[in-house]
Amino acid sequence: MSLKNKVLPSVAGVVLTAGAASAEDGYYIGAGLSYGHMSAAFSLATALKSNDDYGSIALIGGYRKQVENRFWALEAQLEIPINPELEFAGVPCSVAAIGPYGCDVDGVLRLRGVHGGYIGNGFELYGTAGFVLISGEGATSPATTDSVMAGGISFGIGLQKAITPTLKIRGKINHDLAKIGLGEASGGMNPPGCCDVNFTQTSLQISLVKSF
């Protein structure tokens, strides 16, 4: 089962059943859209790279602690890509999967710390850093693909503004770097453990976040 199928139902349930909001200290949830570029390259030959531009639905949840004009938070984000299909030289894996590189992405999960502060006129500037998991498919050899789960680091910078006492609008840039060893299970063109593939994604995310 993919990361999307495992995590999306529980996160969506939290978003749909949340109660009324109150103070700055406490839990928050949110949802939004993002658009960005993903590439997946063989570490020993970066020209062997697949890539695509695509949009995603973003679900957000976290806990925030306010200290005067600054705040800290622990946050999880799940992005569900909308029809991504990474291509090598303009050719998708559904036509030819030469490998080793990425073919498809079905979920991006970020677990990060957040730190920011008030900068005036209702705006808060903040940065994030932590871990990322990218779930999808990779090309292991001609006409062969397999499920992948790449892990790595994620960081970003954002700006948010309160539009009601409990609702904020956010704009944020995310950057993710993840790696997986991609190879056929039984030797062949790309034997087991032969091929580190680096997933790189940069995206712009717009969201609404509600505290409670």
C-alpha atoms as a PDB file:
ATOM      1  CA  MET A   1       0.000   0.000   0.000  1.00  0.00           C
ATOM      2  CA  SER A   2       1.348   3.460  -0.891  1.00  0.00           C
ATOM      3  CA  LEU A   3       2.143   6.250   1.549  1.00  0.00           C
ATOM      4  CA  LYS A   4      -0.873   8.143   0.167  1.00  0.00           C
ATOM      5  CA  ASN A   5      -3.284   5.316   0.920  1.00  0.00           C
ATOM      6  CA  LYS A   6      -1.892   4.816   4.438  1.00  0.00           C
ATOM      7  CA  VAL A   7      -1.720   8.408   5.656  1.00  0.00           C
ATOM      8  CA  LEU A   8      -4.279  10.449   3.690  1.00  0.00           C
ATOM      9  CA  PRO A   9      -7.441   9.023   5.336  1.00  0.00           C
ATOM     10  CA  SER A  10      -6.268   9.734   8.895  1.00  0.00           C
ATOM     11  CA  VAL A  11      -4.973  13.240   8.108  1.00  0.00           C
ATOM     12  CA  ALA A  12      -8.114  14.132   6.173  1.00  0.00           C
ATOM     13  CA  GLY A  13     -10.206  12.969   9.128  1.00  0.00           C
ATOM     14  CA  VAL A  14      -8.400  15.369  11.445  1.00  0.00           C
ATOM     15  CA  VAL A  15      -8.936  18.245   9.011  1.00  0.00           C
ATOM     16  CA  LEU A  16     -12.659  17.535   8.683  1.00  0.00           C
ATOM     17  CA  THR A  17     -13.439  16.980  12.381  1.00  0.00           C
ATOM     18  CA  ALA A  18     -11.457  19.807  14.008  1.00  0.00           C
ATOM     19  CA  GLY A  19     -13.289  22.076  16.417  1.00  0.00           C
ATOM     20  CA  ALA A  20     -13.256  25.813  16.967  1.00  0.00           C
ATOM     21  CA  ALA A  21      -9.997  27.710  17.323  1.00  0.00           C
ATOM     22  CA  SER A  22      -8.708  29.671  20.289  1.00  0.00           C
ATOM     23  CA  ALA A  23      -5.215  30.955  21.192  1.00  0.00           C
ATOM     24  CA  GLU A  24      -1.757  31.075  19.574  1.00  0.00           C
ATOM     25  CA  ASP A  25      -0.518  28.217  21.797  1.00  0.00           C
ATOM     26  CA  GLY A  26      -1.990  24.897  20.684  1.00  0.00           C
ATOM     27  CA  TYR A  27      -2.763  22.670  17.730  1.00  0.00           C
ATOM     28  CA  TYR A  28      -3.447  23.786  14.185  1.00  0.00           C
ATOM     29  CA  ILE A  29      -4.508  22.195  10.912  1.00  0.00           C
ATOM     30  CA  GLY A  30      -4.574  23.400   7.346  1.00  0.00           C
ATOM     31  CA  ALA A  31      -4.927  22.621   3.669  1.00  0.00           C
ATOM     32  CA  GLY A  32      -3.667  24.138   0.458  1.00  0.00           C
ATOM     33  CA  LEU A  33      -2.127  23.686  -2.966  1.00  0.00           C
ATOM     34  CA  SER A  34       1.465  23.521  -4.139  1.00  0.00           C
ATOM     35  CA  TYR A  35       3.222  23.524  -7.497  1.00  0.00           C
ATOM     36  CA  GLY A  36       6.813  22.557  -8.117  1.00  0.00           C
ATOM     37  CA  HIS A  37       9.516  20.630  -9.938  1.00  0.00           C
ATOM     38  CA  MET A  38      10.699  17.108  -9.054  1.00  0.00           C
ATOM     39  CA  SER A  39      13.792  15.398 -10.473  1.00  0.00           C
ATOM     40  CA  ALA A  40      15.261  11.947  -9.751  1.00  0.00           C
ATOM     41  CA  ALA A  41      18.834  11.400 -10.927  1.00  0.00           C
ATOM     42  CA  PHE A  42      21.319   8.495 -10.803  1.00  0.00           C
ATOM     43  CA  SER A  43      24.029   9.697  -8.395  1.00  0.00           C
ATOM     44  CA  LEU A  44      26.937   8.405 -10.556  1.00  0.00           C
ATOM     45  CA  ALA A  45      25.592   9.876 -13.810  1.00  0.00           C
ATOM     46  CA  THR A  46      23.415  12.909 -13.161  1.00  0.00           C
ATOM     47  CA  ALA A  47      22.532  13.182 -16.854  1.00  0.00           C
ATOM     48  CA  LEU A  48      20.463  10.012 -16.302  1.00  0.00           C
ATOM     49  CA  LYS A  49      17.616  11.969 -14.752  1.00  0.00           C
ATOM     50  CA  SER A  50      13.830  12.017 -14.897  1.00  0.00           C
ATOM     51  CA  ASN A  51      11.781  15.101 -14.029  1.00  0.00           C
ATOM     52  CA  ASP A  52       8.341  16.679 -14.087  1.00  0.00           C
ATOM     53  CA  ASP A  53       6.412  19.796 -13.017  1.00  0.00           C
ATOM     54  CA  TYR A  54       3.141  19.097 -11.211  1.00  0.00           C
ATOM     55  CA  GLY A  55       0.688  20.347  -8.609  1.00  0.00           C
ATOM     56  CA  SER A  56      -0.239  18.771  -5.266  1.00  0.00           C
ATOM     57  CA  ILE A  57      -2.898  18.955  -2.571  1.00  0.00           C
ATOM     58  CA  ALA A  58      -1.335  19.731   0.817  1.00  0.00           C
ATOM     59  CA  LEU A  59      -2.633  18.717   4.263  1.00  0.00           C
ATOM     60  CA  ILE A  60      -0.981  20.268   7.340  1.00  0.00           C
ATOM     61  CA  GLY A  61      -1.069  19.608  11.082  1.00  0.00           C
ATOM     62  CA  GLY A  62       1.065  20.773  13.979  1.00  0.00           C
ATOM     63  CA  TYR A  63       1.481  22.218  17.463  1.00  0.00           C
ATOM     64  CA  ARG A  64       2.638  25.805  18.051  1.00  0.00           C
ATOM     65  CA  LYS A  65       4.181  27.447  21.123  1.00  0.00           C
ATOM     66  CA  GLN A  66       4.261  31.251  21.306  1.00  0.00           C
ATOM     67  CA  VAL A  67       6.987  33.119  23.267  1.00  0.00           C
ATOM     68  CA  GLU A  68       6.483  36.895  23.063  1.00  0.00           C
ATOM     69  CA  ASN A  69       6.897  37.818  19.361  1.00  0.00           C
ATOM     70  CA  ARG A  70       8.471  34.490  18.379  1.00  0.00           C
ATOM     71  CA  PHE A  71       7.082  30.988  17.990  1.00  0.00           C
ATOM     72  CA  TRP A  72       8.205  27.373  17.683  1.00  0.00           C
ATOM     73  CA  ALA A  73       6.206  24.507  16.233  1.00  0.00           C
ATOM     74  CA  LEU A  74       6.357  20.835  15.310  1.00  0.00           C
ATOM     75  CA  GLU A  75       4.597  20.202  12.013  1.00  0.00           C
ATOM     76  CA  ALA A  76       3.660  17.392   9.620  1.00  0.00           C
ATOM     77  CA  GLN A  77       2.744  17.960   5.983  1.00  0.00           C
ATOM     78  CA  LEU A  78       1.374  15.470   3.491  1.00  0.00           C
ATOM     79  CA  GLU A  79       1.365  16.405  -0.198  1.00  0.00           C
ATOM     80  CA  ILE A  80      -0.676  14.313  -2.644  1.00  0.00           C
ATOM     81  CA  PRO A  81       0.575  14.928  -6.219  1.00  0.00           C
ATOM     82  CA  ILE A  82      -1.970  15.497  -8.991  1.00  0.00           C
ATOM     83  CA  ASN A  83      -1.136  13.304 -11.997  1.00  0.00           C
ATOM     84  CA  PRO A  84       2.692  13.340 -11.802  1.00  0.00           C
ATOM     85  CA  GLU A  85       4.676  11.349 -14.369  1.00  0.00           C
ATOM     86  CA  LEU A  86       8.437  11.830 -14.341  1.00  0.00           C
ATOM     87  CA  GLU A  87      10.039  11.579 -17.788  1.00  0.00           C
ATOM     88  CA  PHE A  88      13.546  10.790 -19.039  1.00  0.00           C
ATOM     89  CA  ALA A  89      14.383  12.639 -22.295  1.00  0.00           C
ATOM     90  CA  GLY A  90      10.664  13.295 -22.707  1.00  0.00           C
ATOM     91  CA  VAL A  91       9.771   9.590 -22.366  1.00  0.00           C
ATOM     92  CA  PRO A  92       7.626   8.446 -19.399  1.00  0.00           C
ATOM     93  CA  CYS A  93       8.240   5.102 -17.674  1.00  0.00           C
ATOM     94  CA  SER A  94       4.927   3.825 -19.047  1.00  0.00           C
ATOM     95  CA  VAL A  95       6.622   3.841 -22.490  1.00  0.00           C
ATOM     96  CA  ALA A  96      10.193   2.855 -21.528  1.00  0.00           C
ATOM     97  CA  ALA A  97      11.682   2.454 -18.040  1.00  0.00           C
ATOM     98  CA  ILE A  98      15.448   2.280 -18.586  1.00  0.00           C
ATOM     99  CA  GLY A  99      16.527   3.275 -15.075  1.00  0.00           C
ATOM    100  CA  PRO A 100      17.871   3.863 -12.607  1.00  0.00           C
ATOM    101  CA  TYR A 101      15.697   6.936 -11.965  1.00  0.00           C
ATOM    102  CA  GLY A 102      12.298   7.893 -10.565  1.00  0.00           C
ATOM    103  CA  CYS A 103       9.058   7.304 -12.485  1.00  0.00           C
ATOM    104  CA  ASP A 104       6.166   8.490 -10.343  1.00  0.00           C
ATOM    105  CA  VAL A 105       5.408  10.149  -6.997  1.00  0.00           C
ATOM    106  CA  ASP A 106       2.298   9.297  -4.985  1.00  0.00           C
ATOM    107  CA  GLY A 107       3.061  11.097  -1.720  1.00  0.00           C
ATOM    108  CA  VAL A 108       5.494  13.457   0.028  1.00  0.00           C
ATOM    109  CA  LEU A 109       5.469  13.436   3.843  1.00  0.00           C
ATOM    110  CA  ARG A 110       7.416  16.116   5.753  1.00  0.00           C
ATOM    111  CA  LEU A 111       8.087  16.107   9.515  1.00  0.00           C
ATOM    112  CA  ARG A 112       9.739  19.370  10.541  1.00  0.00           C
ATOM    113  CA  GLY A 113      10.487  21.895  13.220  1.00  0.00           C
ATOM    114  CA  VAL A 114       9.314  25.467  12.649  1.00  0.00           C
ATOM    115  CA  HIS A 115      10.680  28.724  14.052  1.00  0.00           C
ATOM    116  CA  GLY A 116       9.537  32.240  13.236  1.00  0.00           C
ATOM    117  CA  GLY A 117       8.500  35.616  14.494  1.00  0.00           C
ATOM    118  CA  TYR A 118       6.375  38.702  13.973  1.00  0.00           C
ATOM    119  CA  ILE A 119       7.813  41.214  11.468  1.00  0.00           C
ATOM    120  CA  GLY A 120       5.021  43.824  11.384  1.00  0.00           C
ATOM    121  CA  ASN A 121       1.707  44.607   9.662  1.00  0.00           C
ATOM    122  CA  GLY A 122       0.285  41.269  10.793  1.00  0.00           C
ATOM    123  CA  PHE A 123       2.968  39.195   9.031  1.00  0.00           C
ATOM    124  CA  GLU A 124       5.100  36.394  10.487  1.00  0.00           C
ATOM    125  CA  LEU A 125       8.274  35.143   8.789  1.00  0.00           C
ATOM    126  CA  TYR A 126       9.343  31.568   9.536  1.00  0.00           C
ATOM    127  CA  GLY A 127      11.718  28.795   8.530  1.00  0.00           C
ATOM    128  CA  THR A 128      11.420  25.002   8.657  1.00  0.00           C
ATOM    129  CA  ALA A 129      13.852  22.073   8.764  1.00  0.00           C
ATOM    130  CA  GLY A 130      13.451  18.334   9.235  1.00  0.00           C
ATOM    131  CA  PHE A 131      12.854  15.052   7.428  1.00  0.00           C
ATOM    132  CA  VAL A 132      11.060  14.005   4.259  1.00  0.00           C
ATOM    133  CA  LEU A 133       9.754  10.690   2.877  1.00  0.00           C
ATOM    134  CA  ILE A 134       8.925  10.419  -0.836  1.00  0.00           C
ATOM    135  CA  SER A 135       6.785   7.482  -1.951  1.00  0.00           C
ATOM    136  CA  GLY A 136       6.383   6.436  -5.573  1.00  0.00           C
ATOM    137  CA  GLU A 137       7.821   4.253  -8.331  1.00  0.00           C
ATOM    138  CA  GLY A 138      11.309   3.919  -9.791  1.00  0.00           C
ATOM    139  CA  ALA A 139      12.697   2.423 -12.995  1.00  0.00           C
ATOM    140  CA  THR A 140      15.010  -0.501 -12.205  1.00  0.00           C
ATOM    141  CA  SER A 141      15.800  -1.679 -15.757  1.00  0.00           C
ATOM    142  CA  PRO A 142      14.196  -1.625 -19.218  1.00  0.00           C
ATOM    143  CA  ALA A 143      10.415  -2.081 -18.849  1.00  0.00           C
ATOM    144  CA  THR A 144      10.716  -2.774 -15.084  1.00  0.00           C
ATOM    145  CA  THR A 145       9.531  -0.539 -12.245  1.00  0.00           C
ATOM    146  CA  ASP A 146       9.221  -1.022  -8.495  1.00  0.00           C
ATOM    147  CA  SER A 147       7.771   0.833  -5.501  1.00  0.00           C
ATOM    148  CA  VAL A 148      10.219   3.173  -3.760  1.00  0.00           C
ATOM    149  CA  MET A 149      10.379   5.020  -0.452  1.00  0.00           C
ATOM    150  CA  ALA A 150      13.158   7.631  -0.414  1.00  0.00           C
ATOM    151  CA  GLY A 151      14.176   9.397   2.800  1.00  0.00           C
ATOM    152  CA  GLY A 152      16.099  12.612   3.336  1.00  0.00           C
ATOM    153  CA  ILE A 153      15.989  16.209   4.538  1.00  0.00           C
ATOM    154  CA  SER A 154      13.523  19.023   3.970  1.00  0.00           C
ATOM    155  CA  PHE A 155      13.726  22.743   4.624  1.00  0.00           C
ATOM    156  CA  GLY A 156      11.849  25.864   3.660  1.00  0.00           C
ATOM    157  CA  ILE A 157      10.953  29.480   4.279  1.00  0.00           C
ATOM    158  CA  GLY A 158       7.526  31.059   4.493  1.00  0.00           C
ATOM    159  CA  LEU A 159       5.401  34.103   5.254  1.00  0.00           C
ATOM    160  CA  GLN A 160       1.991  34.020   6.926  1.00  0.00           C
ATOM    161  CA  LYS A 161      -0.636  36.585   7.889  1.00  0.00           C
ATOM    162  CA  ALA A 162      -3.666  36.388  10.168  1.00  0.00           C
ATOM    163  CA  ILE A 163      -6.959  37.058   8.371  1.00  0.00           C
ATOM    164  CA  THR A 164      -9.074  36.289  11.464  1.00  0.00           C
ATOM    165  CA  PRO A 165      -7.989  35.647  15.084  1.00  0.00           C
ATOM    166  CA  THR A 166      -7.806  31.897  14.350  1.00  0.00           C
ATOM    167  CA  LEU A 167      -7.125  31.689  10.601  1.00  0.00           C
ATOM    168  CA  LYS A 168      -3.885  32.417   8.732  1.00  0.00           C
ATOM    169  CA  ILE A 169      -2.961  32.445   5.062  1.00  0.00           C
ATOM    170  CA  ARG A 170       0.508  31.120   4.168  1.00  0.00           C
ATOM    171  CA  GLY A 171       2.915  31.313   1.296  1.00  0.00           C
ATOM    172  CA  LYS A 172       5.904  28.980   1.481  1.00  0.00           C
ATOM    173  CA  ILE A 173       8.815  27.606  -0.539  1.00  0.00           C
ATOM    174  CA  ASN A 174       9.770  23.973   0.211  1.00  0.00           C
ATOM    175  CA  HIS A 175      12.959  22.182  -0.819  1.00  0.00           C
ATOM    176  CA  ASP A 176      13.359  18.411  -0.389  1.00  0.00           C
ATOM    177  CA  LEU A 177      16.397  16.152  -0.879  1.00  0.00           C
ATOM    178  CA  ALA A 178      15.942  12.371  -0.594  1.00  0.00           C
ATOM    179  CA  LYS A 179      17.905   9.269  -1.624  1.00  0.00           C
ATOM    180  CA  ILE A 180      17.217   5.587  -2.244  1.00  0.00           C
ATOM    181  CA  GLY A 181      19.299   2.641  -3.496  1.00  0.00           C
ATOM    182  CA  LEU A 182      17.410   1.474  -6.588  1.00  0.00           C
ATOM    183  CA  GLY A 183      18.145  -1.894  -8.241  1.00  0.00           C
ATOM    184  CA  GLU A 184      16.578  -5.099  -9.478  1.00  0.00           C
ATOM    185  CA  ALA A 185      15.823  -7.745  -6.868  1.00  0.00           C
ATOM    186  CA  SER A 186      17.647 -10.460  -8.823  1.00  0.00           C
ATOM    187  CA  GLY A 187      20.575  -8.832 -10.594  1.00  0.00           C
ATOM    188  CA  GLY A 188      20.490  -7.897 -14.243  1.00  0.00           C
ATOM    189  CA  MET A 189      21.214  -4.498 -15.690  1.00  0.00           C
ATOM    190  CA  ASN A 190      20.901  -2.748 -12.314  1.00  0.00           C
ATOM    191  CA  PRO A 191      21.840  -5.272  -9.563  1.00  0.00           C
ATOM    192  CA  PRO A 192      20.699  -4.865  -5.932  1.00  0.00           C
ATOM    193  CA  GLY A 193      22.224  -1.847  -4.194  1.00  0.00           C
ATOM    194  CA  CYS A 194      23.951  -0.676  -7.371  1.00  0.00           C
ATOM    195  CA  CYS A 195      22.312   2.643  -7.845  1.00  0.00           C
ATOM    196  CA  ASP A 196      21.702   5.563  -5.503  1.00  0.00           C
ATOM    197  CA  VAL A 197      18.973   7.787  -6.935  1.00  0.00           C
ATOM    198  CA  ASN A 198      18.640  11.350  -5.618  1.00  0.00           C
ATOM    199  CA  PHE A 199      15.153  12.861  -5.520  1.00  0.00           C
ATOM    200  CA  THR A 200      15.095  16.687  -5.491  1.00  0.00           C
ATOM    201  CA  GLN A 201      11.964  18.814  -5.273  1.00  0.00           C
ATOM    202  CA  THR A 202      11.375  22.561  -5.014  1.00  0.00           C
ATOM    203  CA  SER A 203       7.800  23.809  -4.711  1.00  0.00           C
ATOM    204  CA  LEU A 204       5.674  26.834  -3.851  1.00  0.00           C
ATOM    205  CA  GLN A 205       2.821  26.170  -1.438  1.00  0.00           C
ATOM    206  CA  ILE A 206      -0.208  28.355  -0.635  1.00  0.00           C
ATOM    207  CA  SER A 207      -2.413  27.282   2.278  1.00  0.00           C
ATOM    208  CA  LEU A 208      -4.916  28.262   4.958  1.00  0.00           C
ATOM    209  CA  VAL A 209      -4.134  27.253   8.555  1.00  0.00           C
ATOM    210  CA  LYS A 210      -6.638  27.201  11.424  1.00  0.00           C
ATOM    211  CA  SER A 211      -5.674  27.073  15.098  1.00  0.00           C
ATOM    212  CA  PHE A 212      -7.803  25.531  17.834  1.00  0.00           C
END
